[in-house]
N, C-alpha and C. Protein backbone atom coordinates (compact mmCIF):
# COMPACT_ATOMS: atom_id res chain seq x y z
N MET A 1 3.91 -22.97 -53.83
CA MET A 1 2.83 -23.61 -53.12
C MET A 1 3.30 -23.94 -51.70
N PRO A 2 2.53 -23.61 -50.68
CA PRO A 2 2.96 -23.87 -49.30
C PRO A 2 3.16 -25.35 -49.03
N PHE A 3 4.07 -25.63 -48.11
CA PHE A 3 4.29 -27.00 -47.63
C PHE A 3 3.21 -27.32 -46.61
N SER A 4 2.69 -28.53 -46.66
CA SER A 4 1.64 -28.93 -45.72
C SER A 4 2.16 -30.01 -44.77
N TYR A 5 1.88 -29.82 -43.48
CA TYR A 5 2.33 -30.74 -42.45
C TYR A 5 1.15 -31.05 -41.53
N SER A 6 0.92 -32.32 -41.28
CA SER A 6 -0.18 -32.74 -40.41
C SER A 6 0.36 -33.23 -39.08
N ARG A 7 -0.38 -32.97 -38.04
CA ARG A 7 0.08 -33.34 -36.68
C ARG A 7 -1.11 -33.49 -35.76
N THR A 8 -1.05 -34.45 -34.87
CA THR A 8 -2.04 -34.60 -33.81
C THR A 8 -1.50 -33.92 -32.56
N ILE A 9 -2.30 -33.10 -31.93
CA ILE A 9 -1.89 -32.45 -30.69
C ILE A 9 -1.84 -33.52 -29.60
N ARG A 10 -0.74 -33.58 -28.89
CA ARG A 10 -0.53 -34.60 -27.84
C ARG A 10 -0.73 -33.97 -26.46
N PHE A 11 -0.97 -34.83 -25.49
CA PHE A 11 -1.16 -34.37 -24.12
C PHE A 11 0.05 -33.56 -23.66
N ALA A 12 1.25 -33.98 -24.03
CA ALA A 12 2.48 -33.29 -23.62
C ALA A 12 2.57 -31.88 -24.22
N ASP A 13 1.79 -31.59 -25.25
CA ASP A 13 1.79 -30.27 -25.87
C ASP A 13 0.95 -29.26 -25.08
N THR A 14 0.15 -29.76 -24.14
CA THR A 14 -0.81 -28.89 -23.46
C THR A 14 -0.30 -28.43 -22.10
N ASP A 15 -0.98 -27.40 -21.57
CA ASP A 15 -0.63 -26.86 -20.26
C ASP A 15 -1.66 -27.30 -19.22
N ALA A 16 -1.60 -26.74 -18.03
CA ALA A 16 -2.50 -27.14 -16.95
C ALA A 16 -3.97 -26.84 -17.27
N ALA A 17 -4.22 -25.92 -18.18
CA ALA A 17 -5.59 -25.60 -18.57
C ALA A 17 -6.11 -26.55 -19.67
N GLY A 18 -5.24 -27.45 -20.15
CA GLY A 18 -5.66 -28.42 -21.15
C GLY A 18 -5.59 -27.93 -22.59
N VAL A 19 -4.94 -26.79 -22.81
CA VAL A 19 -4.78 -26.26 -24.17
C VAL A 19 -3.29 -26.21 -24.51
N VAL A 20 -3.02 -26.12 -25.80
CA VAL A 20 -1.62 -26.10 -26.24
C VAL A 20 -0.89 -24.91 -25.62
N TYR A 21 0.26 -25.20 -25.03
CA TYR A 21 1.15 -24.18 -24.48
C TYR A 21 1.83 -23.48 -25.66
N PHE A 22 1.90 -22.14 -25.64
CA PHE A 22 2.35 -21.37 -26.80
C PHE A 22 3.72 -21.83 -27.34
N ALA A 23 4.66 -22.09 -26.44
CA ALA A 23 6.00 -22.49 -26.89
C ALA A 23 5.97 -23.85 -27.58
N ASN A 24 5.05 -24.70 -27.17
CA ASN A 24 4.95 -26.02 -27.80
C ASN A 24 4.41 -25.91 -29.22
N LEU A 25 3.53 -24.95 -29.48
CA LEU A 25 3.06 -24.79 -30.85
C LEU A 25 4.18 -24.26 -31.74
N LEU A 26 5.04 -23.41 -31.20
CA LEU A 26 6.21 -22.99 -31.97
C LEU A 26 7.12 -24.18 -32.27
N SER A 27 7.25 -25.09 -31.32
CA SER A 27 8.03 -26.31 -31.54
C SER A 27 7.41 -27.18 -32.64
N ILE A 28 6.10 -27.26 -32.65
CA ILE A 28 5.40 -28.02 -33.69
C ILE A 28 5.63 -27.35 -35.05
N CYS A 29 5.62 -26.03 -35.08
CA CYS A 29 5.92 -25.32 -36.33
C CYS A 29 7.34 -25.65 -36.79
N HIS A 30 8.26 -25.77 -35.85
CA HIS A 30 9.64 -26.13 -36.22
C HIS A 30 9.69 -27.54 -36.79
N GLU A 31 8.85 -28.45 -36.29
CA GLU A 31 8.73 -29.79 -36.88
C GLU A 31 8.35 -29.67 -38.36
N ALA A 32 7.39 -28.79 -38.64
CA ALA A 32 6.95 -28.58 -40.02
C ALA A 32 8.10 -28.04 -40.87
N TYR A 33 8.88 -27.11 -40.32
CA TYR A 33 10.05 -26.56 -41.00
C TYR A 33 11.04 -27.67 -41.35
N GLU A 34 11.34 -28.52 -40.38
CA GLU A 34 12.26 -29.63 -40.63
C GLU A 34 11.73 -30.57 -41.70
N ALA A 35 10.43 -30.86 -41.65
CA ALA A 35 9.83 -31.74 -42.66
C ALA A 35 9.89 -31.10 -44.05
N SER A 36 9.72 -29.78 -44.13
CA SER A 36 9.79 -29.12 -45.43
C SER A 36 11.21 -29.13 -46.00
N LEU A 37 12.20 -28.99 -45.11
CA LEU A 37 13.60 -29.09 -45.56
C LEU A 37 13.85 -30.47 -46.15
N ALA A 38 13.46 -31.50 -45.41
CA ALA A 38 13.63 -32.88 -45.88
C ALA A 38 12.85 -33.10 -47.17
N GLY A 39 11.71 -32.44 -47.30
CA GLY A 39 10.88 -32.58 -48.49
C GLY A 39 11.51 -32.05 -49.76
N THR A 40 12.54 -31.25 -49.64
CA THR A 40 13.28 -30.78 -50.82
C THR A 40 14.64 -31.45 -50.93
N GLY A 41 14.85 -32.52 -50.16
CA GLY A 41 16.09 -33.29 -50.27
C GLY A 41 17.22 -32.82 -49.39
N ILE A 42 16.96 -31.90 -48.48
CA ILE A 42 18.02 -31.43 -47.56
C ILE A 42 18.18 -32.47 -46.46
N GLU A 43 19.40 -32.93 -46.27
CA GLU A 43 19.69 -33.93 -45.24
C GLU A 43 19.80 -33.19 -43.90
N LEU A 44 18.90 -33.49 -42.98
CA LEU A 44 18.77 -32.70 -41.75
C LEU A 44 20.00 -32.76 -40.85
N ARG A 45 20.60 -33.91 -40.71
CA ARG A 45 21.77 -34.01 -39.83
C ARG A 45 22.89 -33.10 -40.31
N THR A 46 23.12 -33.10 -41.60
CA THR A 46 24.15 -32.23 -42.19
C THR A 46 23.74 -30.76 -42.07
N PHE A 47 22.48 -30.47 -42.34
CA PHE A 47 21.98 -29.10 -42.31
C PHE A 47 22.16 -28.47 -40.93
N PHE A 48 21.78 -29.18 -39.87
CA PHE A 48 21.83 -28.62 -38.53
C PHE A 48 23.21 -28.74 -37.86
N ASN A 49 24.15 -29.38 -38.52
CA ASN A 49 25.51 -29.51 -37.98
C ASN A 49 26.55 -29.00 -38.96
N ASN A 50 26.17 -28.08 -39.82
CA ASN A 50 27.07 -27.57 -40.84
C ASN A 50 28.07 -26.59 -40.22
N PRO A 51 29.38 -26.85 -40.33
CA PRO A 51 30.38 -25.95 -39.73
C PRO A 51 30.57 -24.65 -40.52
N ARG A 52 29.98 -24.57 -41.74
CA ARG A 52 30.18 -23.38 -42.58
C ARG A 52 28.98 -22.45 -42.62
N VAL A 53 27.81 -22.94 -42.24
CA VAL A 53 26.62 -22.09 -42.28
C VAL A 53 25.63 -22.52 -41.19
N ALA A 54 25.05 -21.52 -40.56
CA ALA A 54 23.97 -21.75 -39.59
C ALA A 54 22.85 -20.76 -39.94
N ILE A 55 21.63 -21.17 -39.65
CA ILE A 55 20.49 -20.32 -39.97
C ILE A 55 19.59 -20.22 -38.73
N PRO A 56 20.02 -19.43 -37.75
CA PRO A 56 19.24 -19.32 -36.52
C PRO A 56 17.96 -18.51 -36.71
N ILE A 57 17.00 -18.80 -35.85
CA ILE A 57 15.78 -17.99 -35.77
C ILE A 57 16.12 -16.79 -34.91
N VAL A 58 15.86 -15.60 -35.44
CA VAL A 58 16.18 -14.37 -34.70
C VAL A 58 14.93 -13.68 -34.17
N HIS A 59 13.77 -14.13 -34.62
CA HIS A 59 12.51 -13.59 -34.11
C HIS A 59 11.41 -14.61 -34.34
N ALA A 60 10.51 -14.73 -33.37
CA ALA A 60 9.36 -15.62 -33.51
C ALA A 60 8.15 -14.95 -32.89
N SER A 61 6.99 -15.15 -33.52
CA SER A 61 5.75 -14.63 -32.96
C SER A 61 4.63 -15.62 -33.27
N ILE A 62 3.61 -15.58 -32.44
CA ILE A 62 2.47 -16.47 -32.64
C ILE A 62 1.22 -15.79 -32.13
N ASP A 63 0.15 -15.94 -32.88
CA ASP A 63 -1.16 -15.44 -32.49
C ASP A 63 -2.12 -16.62 -32.44
N PHE A 64 -2.85 -16.72 -31.36
CA PHE A 64 -3.86 -17.76 -31.21
C PHE A 64 -5.23 -17.16 -31.43
N PHE A 65 -6.06 -17.83 -32.24
CA PHE A 65 -7.42 -17.37 -32.51
C PHE A 65 -8.45 -18.26 -31.82
N GLN A 66 -8.06 -19.51 -31.56
CA GLN A 66 -8.91 -20.47 -30.86
C GLN A 66 -7.98 -21.40 -30.09
N PRO A 67 -8.48 -22.02 -29.01
CA PRO A 67 -7.64 -22.97 -28.29
C PRO A 67 -7.45 -24.26 -29.09
N LEU A 68 -6.32 -24.91 -28.88
CA LEU A 68 -6.04 -26.21 -29.47
C LEU A 68 -5.98 -27.22 -28.34
N PHE A 69 -6.63 -28.39 -28.52
CA PHE A 69 -6.76 -29.38 -27.46
C PHE A 69 -6.10 -30.70 -27.83
N CYS A 70 -5.77 -31.48 -26.82
CA CYS A 70 -5.20 -32.81 -26.99
C CYS A 70 -6.12 -33.65 -27.88
N GLY A 71 -5.53 -34.35 -28.84
CA GLY A 71 -6.27 -35.21 -29.75
C GLY A 71 -6.72 -34.51 -31.02
N GLU A 72 -6.60 -33.20 -31.06
CA GLU A 72 -7.02 -32.44 -32.24
C GLU A 72 -6.02 -32.64 -33.38
N GLU A 73 -6.55 -32.87 -34.57
CA GLU A 73 -5.72 -32.99 -35.77
C GLU A 73 -5.58 -31.61 -36.38
N VAL A 74 -4.34 -31.19 -36.62
CA VAL A 74 -4.09 -29.89 -37.23
C VAL A 74 -3.31 -30.05 -38.53
N ALA A 75 -3.51 -29.09 -39.41
CA ALA A 75 -2.75 -29.00 -40.64
C ALA A 75 -2.01 -27.67 -40.61
N ILE A 76 -0.72 -27.71 -40.87
CA ILE A 76 0.10 -26.51 -40.85
C ILE A 76 0.56 -26.23 -42.29
N ALA A 77 0.20 -25.05 -42.78
CA ALA A 77 0.66 -24.61 -44.09
C ALA A 77 1.85 -23.68 -43.86
N LEU A 78 3.00 -24.09 -44.35
CA LEU A 78 4.26 -23.36 -44.15
C LEU A 78 4.61 -22.65 -45.45
N THR A 79 4.83 -21.34 -45.37
CA THR A 79 5.19 -20.57 -46.55
C THR A 79 6.40 -19.69 -46.26
N PRO A 80 7.56 -19.99 -46.88
CA PRO A 80 8.73 -19.13 -46.69
C PRO A 80 8.70 -17.95 -47.66
N ARG A 81 9.41 -16.89 -47.28
CA ARG A 81 9.52 -15.70 -48.13
C ARG A 81 10.89 -15.08 -47.91
N SER A 82 11.60 -14.85 -49.00
CA SER A 82 12.91 -14.21 -48.92
C SER A 82 12.75 -12.74 -48.52
N LEU A 83 13.57 -12.29 -47.59
CA LEU A 83 13.57 -10.89 -47.17
C LEU A 83 14.77 -10.13 -47.74
N SER A 84 15.86 -10.85 -47.95
CA SER A 84 17.08 -10.30 -48.54
C SER A 84 17.98 -11.47 -48.88
N GLY A 85 19.21 -11.19 -49.29
CA GLY A 85 20.13 -12.25 -49.66
C GLY A 85 20.57 -13.13 -48.51
N ASP A 86 20.36 -12.66 -47.26
CA ASP A 86 20.80 -13.46 -46.11
C ASP A 86 19.68 -13.71 -45.10
N ARG A 87 18.43 -13.29 -45.42
CA ARG A 87 17.33 -13.43 -44.46
C ARG A 87 16.07 -13.94 -45.14
N PHE A 88 15.26 -14.68 -44.37
CA PHE A 88 13.95 -15.08 -44.84
C PHE A 88 13.03 -15.22 -43.64
N GLU A 89 11.73 -15.25 -43.94
CA GLU A 89 10.74 -15.49 -42.89
C GLU A 89 9.87 -16.65 -43.33
N ILE A 90 9.28 -17.29 -42.34
CA ILE A 90 8.33 -18.37 -42.59
C ILE A 90 7.03 -18.01 -41.89
N THR A 91 5.93 -18.13 -42.62
CA THR A 91 4.61 -17.98 -42.04
C THR A 91 3.99 -19.37 -41.92
N TYR A 92 3.44 -19.64 -40.75
CA TYR A 92 2.78 -20.92 -40.48
C TYR A 92 1.31 -20.65 -40.20
N LEU A 93 0.43 -21.24 -40.98
CA LEU A 93 -1.00 -21.12 -40.75
C LEU A 93 -1.49 -22.44 -40.19
N ILE A 94 -1.96 -22.43 -38.95
CA ILE A 94 -2.38 -23.65 -38.26
C ILE A 94 -3.90 -23.72 -38.31
N GLN A 95 -4.41 -24.80 -38.92
CA GLN A 95 -5.85 -24.95 -39.09
C GLN A 95 -6.29 -26.34 -38.61
N ALA A 96 -7.57 -26.45 -38.27
CA ALA A 96 -8.13 -27.76 -37.95
C ALA A 96 -8.10 -28.60 -39.23
N ALA A 97 -7.56 -29.81 -39.15
CA ALA A 97 -7.45 -30.66 -40.34
C ALA A 97 -8.82 -30.98 -40.92
N SER A 98 -9.82 -31.06 -40.08
CA SER A 98 -11.17 -31.40 -40.55
C SER A 98 -11.87 -30.23 -41.23
N MET A 99 -11.40 -29.00 -40.99
CA MET A 99 -12.03 -27.81 -41.58
C MET A 99 -10.96 -26.83 -42.06
N PRO A 100 -10.22 -27.20 -43.11
CA PRO A 100 -9.10 -26.35 -43.55
C PRO A 100 -9.50 -25.00 -44.11
N LYS A 101 -10.75 -24.82 -44.49
CA LYS A 101 -11.18 -23.55 -45.07
C LYS A 101 -11.76 -22.60 -44.01
N GLU A 102 -11.89 -23.07 -42.79
CA GLU A 102 -12.43 -22.26 -41.71
C GLU A 102 -11.38 -21.29 -41.17
N GLN A 103 -11.77 -20.47 -40.22
CA GLN A 103 -10.86 -19.54 -39.53
C GLN A 103 -9.67 -20.32 -38.98
N PRO A 104 -8.46 -19.84 -39.19
CA PRO A 104 -7.29 -20.54 -38.63
C PRO A 104 -7.35 -20.58 -37.10
N LEU A 105 -6.74 -21.61 -36.54
CA LEU A 105 -6.63 -21.73 -35.08
C LEU A 105 -5.52 -20.83 -34.55
N ALA A 106 -4.46 -20.70 -35.35
CA ALA A 106 -3.31 -19.87 -34.95
C ALA A 106 -2.49 -19.53 -36.19
N LYS A 107 -1.64 -18.52 -36.02
CA LYS A 107 -0.71 -18.13 -37.08
C LYS A 107 0.61 -17.77 -36.41
N ALA A 108 1.69 -18.32 -36.95
CA ALA A 108 3.02 -18.06 -36.39
C ALA A 108 3.93 -17.53 -37.50
N ARG A 109 4.99 -16.87 -37.07
CA ARG A 109 5.98 -16.35 -38.01
C ARG A 109 7.36 -16.46 -37.36
N THR A 110 8.33 -16.91 -38.15
CA THR A 110 9.72 -16.94 -37.68
C THR A 110 10.59 -16.22 -38.70
N HIS A 111 11.60 -15.50 -38.22
CA HIS A 111 12.58 -14.83 -39.07
C HIS A 111 13.92 -15.53 -38.87
N HIS A 112 14.62 -15.79 -39.96
CA HIS A 112 15.87 -16.53 -39.95
C HIS A 112 16.96 -15.72 -40.64
N VAL A 113 18.20 -15.86 -40.18
CA VAL A 113 19.34 -15.17 -40.78
C VAL A 113 20.44 -16.20 -41.02
N SER A 114 21.04 -16.15 -42.17
CA SER A 114 22.16 -17.02 -42.51
C SER A 114 23.46 -16.41 -41.99
N ILE A 115 24.20 -17.20 -41.21
CA ILE A 115 25.46 -16.70 -40.65
C ILE A 115 26.58 -17.72 -40.81
N ASP A 116 27.79 -17.24 -40.69
CA ASP A 116 28.96 -18.11 -40.55
C ASP A 116 29.02 -18.46 -39.06
N PRO A 117 28.93 -19.72 -38.69
CA PRO A 117 28.89 -20.07 -37.27
C PRO A 117 30.19 -19.81 -36.51
N GLN A 118 31.30 -19.68 -37.22
CA GLN A 118 32.58 -19.41 -36.57
C GLN A 118 32.72 -17.93 -36.20
N THR A 119 32.38 -17.04 -37.15
CA THR A 119 32.56 -15.61 -36.92
C THR A 119 31.28 -14.91 -36.48
N ARG A 120 30.13 -15.61 -36.62
CA ARG A 120 28.82 -15.05 -36.29
C ARG A 120 28.46 -13.84 -37.15
N THR A 121 29.03 -13.78 -38.36
CA THR A 121 28.70 -12.71 -39.29
C THR A 121 27.72 -13.23 -40.34
N ARG A 122 26.90 -12.32 -40.83
CA ARG A 122 25.92 -12.69 -41.85
C ARG A 122 26.62 -13.13 -43.13
N GLN A 123 25.96 -14.04 -43.82
CA GLN A 123 26.43 -14.47 -45.13
C GLN A 123 25.23 -14.83 -45.99
N SER A 124 25.43 -14.89 -47.28
CA SER A 124 24.34 -15.18 -48.20
C SER A 124 23.75 -16.55 -47.95
N LEU A 125 22.46 -16.65 -48.24
CA LEU A 125 21.80 -17.95 -48.16
C LEU A 125 22.44 -18.90 -49.16
N THR A 126 22.50 -20.16 -48.79
CA THR A 126 23.07 -21.17 -49.68
C THR A 126 22.12 -21.44 -50.84
N PRO A 127 22.65 -21.97 -51.96
CA PRO A 127 21.77 -22.32 -53.09
C PRO A 127 20.65 -23.29 -52.68
N GLU A 128 20.94 -24.24 -51.77
CA GLU A 128 19.90 -25.18 -51.35
C GLU A 128 18.77 -24.48 -50.59
N MET A 129 19.10 -23.43 -49.82
CA MET A 129 18.05 -22.70 -49.11
C MET A 129 17.26 -21.80 -50.06
N ILE A 130 17.93 -21.23 -51.03
CA ILE A 130 17.22 -20.44 -52.04
C ILE A 130 16.25 -21.34 -52.79
N HIS A 131 16.69 -22.54 -53.14
CA HIS A 131 15.82 -23.52 -53.80
C HIS A 131 14.64 -23.88 -52.90
N TRP A 132 14.91 -24.14 -51.62
CA TRP A 132 13.84 -24.48 -50.66
C TRP A 132 12.79 -23.37 -50.61
N ILE A 133 13.24 -22.12 -50.53
CA ILE A 133 12.30 -20.99 -50.52
C ILE A 133 11.46 -20.96 -51.79
N GLU A 134 12.11 -21.15 -52.94
CA GLU A 134 11.39 -21.14 -54.21
C GLU A 134 10.36 -22.25 -54.31
N VAL A 135 10.70 -23.43 -53.81
CA VAL A 135 9.77 -24.57 -53.89
C VAL A 135 8.50 -24.33 -53.08
N TRP A 136 8.63 -23.77 -51.88
CA TRP A 136 7.47 -23.67 -50.98
C TRP A 136 6.85 -22.27 -50.92
N SER A 137 7.36 -21.31 -51.68
CA SER A 137 6.77 -19.97 -51.70
C SER A 137 5.45 -19.98 -52.47
N ASP A 138 4.68 -18.92 -52.23
CA ASP A 138 3.42 -18.76 -52.99
C ASP A 138 3.68 -18.51 -54.45
């Protein structure tokens, strides 16, 4: 079942045209990712400062279907999917909180790879990340 994250679009998220700047929506998606990690008991400080494993984003994309404005309440449905023993992707479906069954406002995707931060070589996902994927997958 996808992880659900709610967020109000803030003025600082918008650009000169008054709509969400694309990079800021990716940042909001990352907030949802962090909340989903914490939601399965992963301690964030340890996770992001682990000397034995790092899980960088190696690709990100986002499609906008409608503009998002300051003050708008959004719901983000986050769904991870394993791609291999050392890679996974996350799909983020961004919808208006007041109309979750309507056309999405945007859709984002990030690809992640598990590496040894010292050697920068790929390594298998940790058991806690495999569990996280299983908890929030479809």
